[in-house]
Amino acid sequence: MGRGSPIPPMLQRKIVEQYQKGVSQRKIAKSLKLSSSTVHTIIQRFRESGTISVRKGQGRKTILDARDLRALRRHCITYRNATVMEITTWAQEYFQKTLSVNTIHRAIRRCRLKLYRSKKKPYLNMIQKRRRFLWAKAHLKWTVAKWKIVLWSDQSKFEVLFGKLGRHVNRTKEDKDNPSCYQRSVQKPASLMLWGCMSACGMGSLHIWKGTINAESVPTFLESVDTSKDFLSVAGHIVDENCNRKEEWDVTSHI
């Protein structure tokens, strides 16, 4: 049994039963694979109180009480990007107590909080938000039939690198210069531009494009790709991922 692990009540009862039968503490510890000090502590507790249960209030008192934990939780929620070291510095000044980084880390876990890596989300400035709002307002009264002729498109750039790109690696402190623990990187990695679309008819195929896709290059792009297997045989509007309405484009006449 690991050091500091609580002894199950059933095992404690076995210790007391063998003690009452006259078995020595050394034999009890050897038969149950426990330390002699653990067996001695349980038997001594039984002698003094007549029971194997631990008295209420025993053990080391926590440095931070429930009120302190509530204040710590409010501070962590207010300053979500603060590091554990910064939170520890604040807690030492606020609570006027000697607190270590490990103590604050355990207290944060007791507050049902945990340090996670921030989820990435594209940043939108006020101009972009304004454009999206005006676009939604202009198309507020569109009917379902009119939305069915809209072709929604999106493109993304993918960098092609060799090897694993994980930011984390399992290693020891001494293996930091091991080549198998490196994260490979190049100055100008090869990249691919993938374009996809969807509409009320379904989802289209992904197409590789060399160059930049914008409002002017969309007609040329649709002419170059093989759309016979797609559902692009509808006439309507092409809208990109930023909800920008492209120039009207009759896809049917160019297939």
C-alpha atoms as a PDB file:
ATOM      1  CA  MET A   1       0.000   0.000   0.000  1.00  0.00           C
ATOM      2  CA  GLY A   2       1.350   3.421  -0.973  1.00  0.00           C
ATOM      3  CA  ARG A   3       2.727   5.855   1.555  1.00  0.00           C
ATOM      4  CA  GLY A   4       0.018   8.110   2.940  1.00  0.00           C
ATOM      5  CA  SER A   5      -2.834   5.987   1.570  1.00  0.00           C
ATOM      6  CA  PRO A   6      -5.803   5.635   3.969  1.00  0.00           C
ATOM      7  CA  ILE A   7      -6.271   2.185   5.500  1.00  0.00           C
ATOM      8  CA  PRO A   8      -9.655   0.683   4.516  1.00  0.00           C
ATOM      9  CA  PRO A   9     -12.046   0.065   7.462  1.00  0.00           C
ATOM     10  CA  MET A  10     -12.201  -3.654   6.650  1.00  0.00           C
ATOM     11  CA  LEU A  11      -8.431  -3.944   6.982  1.00  0.00           C
ATOM     12  CA  GLN A  12      -8.478  -2.018  10.237  1.00  0.00           C
ATOM     13  CA  ARG A  13     -11.076  -4.415  11.637  1.00  0.00           C
ATOM     14  CA  LYS A  14      -8.823  -7.356  10.719  1.00  0.00           C
ATOM     15  CA  ILE A  15      -5.955  -5.739  12.626  1.00  0.00           C
ATOM     16  CA  VAL A  16      -8.137  -5.289  15.716  1.00  0.00           C
ATOM     17  CA  GLU A  17      -9.518  -8.850  15.492  1.00  0.00           C
ATOM     18  CA  GLN A  18      -6.021 -10.370  15.330  1.00  0.00           C
ATOM     19  CA  TYR A  19      -4.903  -8.108  18.174  1.00  0.00           C
ATOM     20  CA  GLN A  20      -7.778  -9.316  20.328  1.00  0.00           C
ATOM     21  CA  LYS A  21      -6.764 -12.909  19.563  1.00  0.00           C
ATOM     22  CA  GLY A  22      -3.313 -12.230  21.004  1.00  0.00           C
ATOM     23  CA  VAL A  23      -1.315 -11.973  17.773  1.00  0.00           C
ATOM     24  CA  SER A  24       1.731  -9.709  18.045  1.00  0.00           C
ATOM     25  CA  GLN A  25       1.869  -6.443  16.140  1.00  0.00           C
ATOM     26  CA  ARG A  26       4.893  -7.593  14.155  1.00  0.00           C
ATOM     27  CA  LYS A  27       3.091 -10.725  12.911  1.00  0.00           C
ATOM     28  CA  ILE A  28      -0.015  -8.690  12.071  1.00  0.00           C
ATOM     29  CA  ALA A  29       2.036  -6.243  10.017  1.00  0.00           C
ATOM     30  CA  LYS A  30       3.839  -9.064   8.210  1.00  0.00           C
ATOM     31  CA  SER A  31       0.664 -11.023   7.403  1.00  0.00           C
ATOM     32  CA  LEU A  32      -1.246  -7.959   6.143  1.00  0.00           C
ATOM     33  CA  LYS A  33       1.822  -6.441   4.428  1.00  0.00           C
ATOM     34  CA  LEU A  34       1.680  -3.223   6.430  1.00  0.00           C
ATOM     35  CA  SER A  35       4.282  -1.265   8.340  1.00  0.00           C
ATOM     36  CA  SER A  36       4.635  -1.854  12.059  1.00  0.00           C
ATOM     37  CA  SER A  37       3.988   1.830  12.789  1.00  0.00           C
ATOM     38  CA  THR A  38       0.650   1.705  10.950  1.00  0.00           C
ATOM     39  CA  VAL A  39      -0.492  -1.338  12.899  1.00  0.00           C
ATOM     40  CA  HIS A  40       0.677   0.239  16.157  1.00  0.00           C
ATOM     41  CA  THR A  41      -1.265   3.467  15.429  1.00  0.00           C
ATOM     42  CA  ILE A  42      -4.522   1.602  14.720  1.00  0.00           C
ATOM     43  CA  ILE A  43      -4.182  -0.587  17.825  1.00  0.00           C
ATOM     44  CA  GLN A  44      -3.341   2.416  20.016  1.00  0.00           C
ATOM     45  CA  ARG A  45      -6.394   4.273  18.697  1.00  0.00           C
ATOM     46  CA  PHE A  46      -8.540   1.234  19.532  1.00  0.00           C
ATOM     47  CA  ARG A  47      -7.109   1.111  23.048  1.00  0.00           C
ATOM     48  CA  GLU A  48      -7.809   4.776  23.756  1.00  0.00           C
ATOM     49  CA  SER A  49     -11.241   5.240  22.152  1.00  0.00           C
ATOM     50  CA  GLY A  50     -12.516   1.675  21.759  1.00  0.00           C
ATOM     51  CA  THR A  51     -13.156   2.274  18.045  1.00  0.00           C
ATOM     52  CA  ILE A  52     -11.159   2.332  14.815  1.00  0.00           C
ATOM     53  CA  SER A  53     -12.731   5.503  13.423  1.00  0.00           C
ATOM     54  CA  VAL A  54     -10.656   8.671  13.318  1.00  0.00           C
ATOM     55  CA  ARG A  55     -11.785  11.439  15.631  1.00  0.00           C
ATOM     56  CA  LYS A  56     -13.312  14.453  13.944  1.00  0.00           C
ATOM     57  CA  GLY A  57     -10.924  17.343  13.653  1.00  0.00           C
ATOM     58  CA  GLN A  58      -7.759  15.299  13.446  1.00  0.00           C
ATOM     59  CA  GLY A  59      -5.202  16.084  10.807  1.00  0.00           C
ATOM     60  CA  ARG A  60      -3.471  19.191   9.588  1.00  0.00           C
ATOM     61  CA  LYS A  61      -5.658  22.243   9.178  1.00  0.00           C
ATOM     62  CA  THR A  62      -5.898  23.844   5.750  1.00  0.00           C
ATOM     63  CA  ILE A  63      -4.239  27.213   5.334  1.00  0.00           C
ATOM     64  CA  LEU A  64      -7.108  28.679   3.300  1.00  0.00           C
ATOM     65  CA  ASP A  65     -10.642  28.376   4.648  1.00  0.00           C
ATOM     66  CA  ALA A  66     -13.882  28.456   2.653  1.00  0.00           C
ATOM     67  CA  ARG A  67     -13.995  32.259   2.641  1.00  0.00           C
ATOM     68  CA  ASP A  68     -10.441  32.476   1.321  1.00  0.00           C
ATOM     69  CA  LEU A  69     -11.245  29.956  -1.415  1.00  0.00           C
ATOM     70  CA  ARG A  70     -14.195  32.057  -2.564  1.00  0.00           C
ATOM     71  CA  ALA A  71     -11.967  35.132  -2.798  1.00  0.00           C
ATOM     72  CA  LEU A  72      -9.350  33.112  -4.674  1.00  0.00           C
ATOM     73  CA  ARG A  73     -11.964  31.830  -7.110  1.00  0.00           C
ATOM     74  CA  ARG A  74     -13.231  35.365  -7.807  1.00  0.00           C
ATOM     75  CA  HIS A  75      -9.680  36.548  -8.474  1.00  0.00           C
ATOM     76  CA  CYS A  76      -8.947  33.623 -10.840  1.00  0.00           C
ATOM     77  CA  ILE A  77     -12.139  34.243 -12.805  1.00  0.00           C
ATOM     78  CA  THR A  78     -11.455  37.987 -13.019  1.00  0.00           C
ATOM     79  CA  TYR A  79      -7.867  37.461 -14.169  1.00  0.00           C
ATOM     80  CA  ARG A  80      -8.151  34.276 -16.185  1.00  0.00           C
ATOM     81  CA  ASN A  81      -4.805  34.702 -17.962  1.00  0.00           C
ATOM     82  CA  ALA A  82      -2.779  35.065 -14.761  1.00  0.00           C
ATOM     83  CA  THR A  83      -0.110  32.460 -14.088  1.00  0.00           C
ATOM     84  CA  VAL A  84       0.094  30.421 -10.881  1.00  0.00           C
ATOM     85  CA  MET A  85       3.119  32.472  -9.812  1.00  0.00           C
ATOM     86  CA  GLU A  86       1.191  35.726 -10.254  1.00  0.00           C
ATOM     87  CA  ILE A  87      -1.799  34.320  -8.361  1.00  0.00           C
ATOM     88  CA  THR A  88       0.516  33.191  -5.559  1.00  0.00           C
ATOM     89  CA  THR A  89       2.037  36.669  -5.267  1.00  0.00           C
ATOM     90  CA  TRP A  90      -1.450  38.201  -5.077  1.00  0.00           C
ATOM     91  CA  ALA A  91      -2.637  35.644  -2.512  1.00  0.00           C
ATOM     92  CA  GLN A  92       0.339  36.267  -0.209  1.00  0.00           C
ATOM     93  CA  GLU A  93      -0.386  40.003  -0.181  1.00  0.00           C
ATOM     94  CA  TYR A  94      -4.172  39.624   0.072  1.00  0.00           C
ATOM     95  CA  PHE A  95      -4.398  36.894   2.738  1.00  0.00           C
ATOM     96  CA  GLN A  96      -1.190  37.948   4.581  1.00  0.00           C
ATOM     97  CA  LYS A  97      -0.124  34.299   4.812  1.00  0.00           C
ATOM     98  CA  THR A  98       2.904  32.315   3.741  1.00  0.00           C
ATOM     99  CA  LEU A  99       1.700  30.434   0.665  1.00  0.00           C
ATOM    100  CA  SER A 100       3.679  28.371  -1.829  1.00  0.00           C
ATOM    101  CA  VAL A 101       2.988  27.814  -5.503  1.00  0.00           C
ATOM    102  CA  ASN A 102       1.965  24.196  -4.823  1.00  0.00           C
ATOM    103  CA  THR A 103      -0.483  25.326  -2.140  1.00  0.00           C
ATOM    104  CA  ILE A 104      -2.146  27.802  -4.506  1.00  0.00           C
ATOM    105  CA  HIS A 105      -2.215  25.197  -7.274  1.00  0.00           C
ATOM    106  CA  ARG A 106      -4.060  22.759  -4.982  1.00  0.00           C
ATOM    107  CA  ALA A 107      -6.391  25.546  -3.824  1.00  0.00           C
ATOM    108  CA  ILE A 108      -7.281  26.346  -7.435  1.00  0.00           C
ATOM    109  CA  ARG A 109      -8.193  22.696  -7.953  1.00  0.00           C
ATOM    110  CA  ARG A 110     -10.350  22.841  -4.819  1.00  0.00           C
ATOM    111  CA  CYS A 111     -12.165  25.805  -6.381  1.00  0.00           C
ATOM    112  CA  ARG A 112     -13.099  23.494  -9.273  1.00  0.00           C
ATOM    113  CA  LEU A 113     -10.842  25.420 -11.614  1.00  0.00           C
ATOM    114  CA  LYS A 114      -8.051  24.074 -13.778  1.00  0.00           C
ATOM    115  CA  LEU A 115      -5.374  25.581 -15.985  1.00  0.00           C
ATOM    116  CA  TYR A 116      -6.202  24.828 -19.617  1.00  0.00           C
ATOM    117  CA  ARG A 117      -4.682  25.959 -22.852  1.00  0.00           C
ATOM    118  CA  SER A 118      -6.757  28.811 -24.298  1.00  0.00           C
ATOM    119  CA  LYS A 119      -9.059  27.902 -27.158  1.00  0.00           C
ATOM    120  CA  LYS A 120      -8.155  29.780 -30.326  1.00  0.00           C
ATOM    121  CA  LYS A 121     -10.761  31.954 -32.005  1.00  0.00           C
ATOM    122  CA  PRO A 122     -10.328  34.364 -34.932  1.00  0.00           C
ATOM    123  CA  TYR A 123     -10.231  37.970 -33.823  1.00  0.00           C
ATOM    124  CA  LEU A 124     -12.869  40.303 -35.253  1.00  0.00           C
ATOM    125  CA  ASN A 125     -12.350  44.057 -35.138  1.00  0.00           C
ATOM    126  CA  MET A 126     -15.150  46.608 -35.133  1.00  0.00           C
ATOM    127  CA  ILE A 127     -15.067  47.038 -38.931  1.00  0.00           C
ATOM    128  CA  GLN A 128     -15.513  43.306 -39.504  1.00  0.00           C
ATOM    129  CA  LYS A 129     -18.306  43.110 -36.952  1.00  0.00           C
ATOM    130  CA  ARG A 130     -20.006  46.084 -38.621  1.00  0.00           C
ATOM    131  CA  ARG A 131     -19.787  44.470 -42.051  1.00  0.00           C
ATOM    132  CA  ARG A 132     -21.258  41.221 -40.769  1.00  0.00           C
ATOM    133  CA  PHE A 133     -24.082  43.065 -39.058  1.00  0.00           C
ATOM    134  CA  LEU A 134     -24.951  45.038 -42.205  1.00  0.00           C
ATOM    135  CA  TRP A 135     -24.772  41.873 -44.305  1.00  0.00           C
ATOM    136  CA  ALA A 136     -27.180  40.045 -41.978  1.00  0.00           C
ATOM    137  CA  LYS A 137     -29.514  43.034 -41.870  1.00  0.00           C
ATOM    138  CA  ALA A 138     -29.589  43.307 -45.673  1.00  0.00           C
ATOM    139  CA  HIS A 139     -30.501  39.620 -46.063  1.00  0.00           C
ATOM    140  CA  LEU A 140     -32.928  39.458 -43.174  1.00  0.00           C
ATOM    141  CA  LYS A 141     -36.030  39.187 -45.386  1.00  0.00           C
ATOM    142  CA  TRP A 142     -34.675  36.628 -47.834  1.00  0.00           C
ATOM    143  CA  THR A 143     -36.955  33.681 -48.437  1.00  0.00           C
ATOM    144  CA  VAL A 144     -35.927  30.034 -48.243  1.00  0.00           C
ATOM    145  CA  ALA A 145     -36.127  29.710 -52.017  1.00  0.00           C
ATOM    146  CA  LYS A 146     -33.692  32.566 -52.432  1.00  0.00           C
ATOM    147  CA  TRP A 147     -31.240  31.103 -49.923  1.00  0.00           C
ATOM    148  CA  LYS A 148     -31.207  27.859 -51.891  1.00  0.00           C
ATOM    149  CA  ILE A 149     -29.452  29.543 -54.821  1.00  0.00           C
ATOM    150  CA  VAL A 150     -26.568  30.744 -52.649  1.00  0.00           C
ATOM    151  CA  LEU A 151     -23.260  28.906 -52.925  1.00  0.00           C
ATOM    152  CA  TRP A 152     -21.247  29.139 -49.711  1.00  0.00           C
ATOM    153  CA  SER A 153     -17.508  28.852 -50.204  1.00  0.00           C
ATOM    154  CA  ASP A 154     -14.449  28.782 -48.002  1.00  0.00           C
ATOM    155  CA  GLN A 155     -10.737  28.345 -48.537  1.00  0.00           C
ATOM    156  CA  SER A 156      -7.906  27.532 -46.177  1.00  0.00           C
ATOM    157  CA  LYS A 157      -4.130  27.387 -46.404  1.00  0.00           C
ATOM    158  CA  PHE A 158      -2.378  24.255 -45.117  1.00  0.00           C
ATOM    159  CA  GLU A 159       1.342  24.068 -44.459  1.00  0.00           C
ATOM    160  CA  VAL A 160       3.009  20.785 -45.372  1.00  0.00           C
ATOM    161  CA  LEU A 161       5.768  19.731 -42.981  1.00  0.00           C
ATOM    162  CA  PHE A 162       7.436  16.427 -42.221  1.00  0.00           C
ATOM    163  CA  GLY A 163       7.444  14.756 -38.832  1.00  0.00           C
ATOM    164  CA  LYS A 164       5.187  15.175 -35.840  1.00  0.00           C
ATOM    165  CA  LEU A 165       4.129  18.733 -35.107  1.00  0.00           C
ATOM    166  CA  GLY A 166       3.019  18.286 -31.502  1.00  0.00           C
ATOM    167  CA  ARG A 167       4.051  21.011 -29.088  1.00  0.00           C
ATOM    168  CA  HIS A 168       4.352  18.521 -26.227  1.00  0.00           C
ATOM    169  CA  VAL A 169       6.700  15.561 -25.941  1.00  0.00           C
ATOM    170  CA  ASN A 170       7.181  12.967 -23.226  1.00  0.00           C
ATOM    171  CA  ARG A 171      10.811  13.093 -22.083  1.00  0.00           C
ATOM    172  CA  THR A 172      13.044  13.488 -19.082  1.00  0.00           C
ATOM    173  CA  LYS A 173      14.867  16.679 -18.165  1.00  0.00           C
ATOM    174  CA  GLU A 174      18.120  15.290 -19.526  1.00  0.00           C
ATOM    175  CA  ASP A 175      16.590  14.420 -22.941  1.00  0.00           C
ATOM    176  CA  LYS A 176      15.997  18.029 -23.999  1.00  0.00           C
ATOM    177  CA  ASP A 177      18.770  17.790 -26.633  1.00  0.00           C
ATOM    178  CA  ASN A 178      17.654  14.401 -27.928  1.00  0.00           C
ATOM    179  CA  PRO A 179      16.847  14.706 -31.677  1.00  0.00           C
ATOM    180  CA  SER A 180      13.723  12.593 -31.232  1.00  0.00           C
ATOM    181  CA  CYS A 181      12.354  15.256 -28.854  1.00  0.00           C
ATOM    182  CA  TYR A 182      12.703  18.170 -31.288  1.00  0.00           C
ATOM    183  CA  GLN A 183       9.828  19.954 -32.976  1.00  0.00           C
ATOM    184  CA  ARG A 184      10.783  20.342 -36.616  1.00  0.00           C
ATOM    185  CA  SER A 185      10.288  23.705 -38.280  1.00  0.00           C
ATOM    186  CA  VAL A 186      11.321  25.396 -41.510  1.00  0.00           C
ATOM    187  CA  GLN A 187      11.412  29.047 -42.515  1.00  0.00           C
ATOM    188  CA  LYS A 188       9.189  28.789 -45.591  1.00  0.00           C
ATOM    189  CA  PRO A 189       7.121  25.599 -45.451  1.00  0.00           C
ATOM    190  CA  ALA A 190       5.323  24.300 -48.517  1.00  0.00           C
ATOM    191  CA  SER A 191       1.618  25.107 -48.486  1.00  0.00           C
ATOM    192  CA  LEU A 192      -1.596  24.196 -50.272  1.00  0.00           C
ATOM    193  CA  MET A 193      -4.733  26.260 -50.808  1.00  0.00           C
ATOM    194  CA  LEU A 194      -7.895  24.160 -50.504  1.00  0.00           C
ATOM    195  CA  TRP A 195     -11.270  25.453 -51.656  1.00  0.00           C
ATOM    196  CA  GLY A 196     -14.642  23.964 -50.800  1.00  0.00           C
ATOM    197  CA  CYS A 197     -18.279  24.917 -51.107  1.00  0.00           C
ATOM    198  CA  MET A 198     -21.770  23.898 -50.079  1.00  0.00           C
ATOM    199  CA  SER A 199     -25.365  24.883 -50.760  1.00  0.00           C
ATOM    200  CA  ALA A 200     -28.855  23.580 -50.169  1.00  0.00           C
ATOM    201  CA  CYS A 201     -28.111  20.790 -52.651  1.00  0.00           C
ATOM    202  CA  GLY A 202     -25.302  19.352 -50.516  1.00  0.00           C
ATOM    203  CA  MET A 203     -21.571  19.585 -50.002  1.00  0.00           C
ATOM    204  CA  GLY A 204     -19.073  19.902 -52.819  1.00  0.00           C
ATOM    205  CA  SER A 205     -15.613  18.419 -53.250  1.00  0.00           C
ATOM    206  CA  LEU A 206     -12.345  19.955 -52.103  1.00  0.00           C
ATOM    207  CA  HIS A 207     -10.165  21.481 -54.818  1.00  0.00           C
ATOM    208  CA  ILE A 208      -6.495  22.450 -54.727  1.00  0.00           C
ATOM    209  CA  TRP A 209      -5.644  25.909 -56.062  1.00  0.00           C
ATOM    210  CA  LYS A 210      -2.219  27.398 -56.665  1.00  0.00           C
ATOM    211  CA  GLY A 211      -2.445  31.057 -55.829  1.00  0.00           C
ATOM    212  CA  THR A 212      -4.853  33.318 -53.980  1.00  0.00           C
ATOM    213  CA  ILE A 213      -8.621  32.973 -54.183  1.00  0.00           C
ATOM    214  CA  ASN A 214     -10.499  36.267 -54.050  1.00  0.00           C
ATOM    215  CA  ALA A 215     -13.566  37.872 -55.621  1.00  0.00           C
ATOM    216  CA  GLU A 216     -11.795  38.420 -58.959  1.00  0.00           C
ATOM    217  CA  SER A 217     -10.301  34.926 -59.212  1.00  0.00           C
ATOM    218  CA  VAL A 218     -13.462  32.955 -58.349  1.00  0.00           C
ATOM    219  CA  PRO A 219     -14.803  32.852 -61.948  1.00  0.00           C
ATOM    220  CA  THR A 220     -11.424  31.706 -63.262  1.00  0.00           C
ATOM    221  CA  PHE A 221     -11.172  29.149 -60.502  1.00  0.00           C
ATOM    222  CA  LEU A 222     -14.618  27.667 -61.214  1.00  0.00           C
ATOM    223  CA  GLU A 223     -13.709  27.370 -64.887  1.00  0.00           C
ATOM    224  CA  SER A 224     -10.493  25.491 -64.107  1.00  0.00           C
ATOM    225  CA  VAL A 225     -11.871  22.909 -61.650  1.00  0.00           C
ATOM    226  CA  ASP A 226     -13.842  19.855 -62.699  1.00  0.00           C
ATOM    227  CA  THR A 227     -17.341  20.545 -61.405  1.00  0.00           C
ATOM    228  CA  SER A 228     -19.076  17.746 -63.257  1.00  0.00           C
ATOM    229  CA  LYS A 229     -19.172  15.682 -60.065  1.00  0.00           C
ATOM    230  CA  ASP A 230     -20.336  18.545 -57.898  1.00  0.00           C
ATOM    231  CA  PHE A 231     -23.708  20.141 -57.480  1.00  0.00           C
ATOM    232  CA  LEU A 232     -22.711  23.520 -58.928  1.00  0.00           C
ATOM    233  CA  SER A 233     -25.239  23.428 -61.739  1.00  0.00           C
ATOM    234  CA  VAL A 234     -27.309  26.174 -60.144  1.00  0.00           C
ATOM    235  CA  ALA A 235     -27.290  29.874 -60.834  1.00  0.00           C
ATOM    236  CA  GLY A 236     -26.989  32.196 -57.893  1.00  0.00           C
ATOM    237  CA  HIS A 237     -24.672  34.142 -55.646  1.00  0.00           C
ATOM    238  CA  ILE A 238     -21.295  33.096 -54.299  1.00  0.00           C
ATOM    239  CA  VAL A 239     -20.619  34.021 -50.673  1.00  0.00           C
ATOM    240  CA  ASP A 240     -17.230  33.546 -49.002  1.00  0.00           C
ATOM    241  CA  GLU A 241     -16.424  32.597 -45.417  1.00  0.00           C
ATOM    242  CA  ASN A 242     -16.592  36.239 -44.226  1.00  0.00           C
ATOM    243  CA  CYS A 243     -20.191  36.606 -45.433  1.00  0.00           C
ATOM    244  CA  ASN A 244     -19.050  38.881 -48.245  1.00  0.00           C
ATOM    245  CA  ARG A 245     -21.303  38.674 -51.251  1.00  0.00           C
ATOM    246  CA  LYS A 246     -19.226  38.133 -54.358  1.00  0.00           C
ATOM    247  CA  GLU A 247     -20.250  39.400 -57.745  1.00  0.00           C
ATOM    248  CA  GLU A 248     -23.170  37.450 -59.207  1.00  0.00           C
ATOM    249  CA  TRP A 249     -21.886  34.477 -61.118  1.00  0.00           C
ATOM    250  CA  ASP A 250     -23.887  32.181 -63.333  1.00  0.00           C
ATOM    251  CA  VAL A 251     -22.242  28.846 -62.643  1.00  0.00           C
ATOM    252  CA  THR A 252     -24.413  26.951 -65.089  1.00  0.00           C
ATOM    253  CA  SER A 253     -23.077  28.785 -68.129  1.00  0.00           C
ATOM    254  CA  HIS A 254     -19.490  27.911 -67.252  1.00  0.00           C
ATOM    255  CA  ILE A 255     -19.760  24.161 -66.619  1.00  0.00           C
END
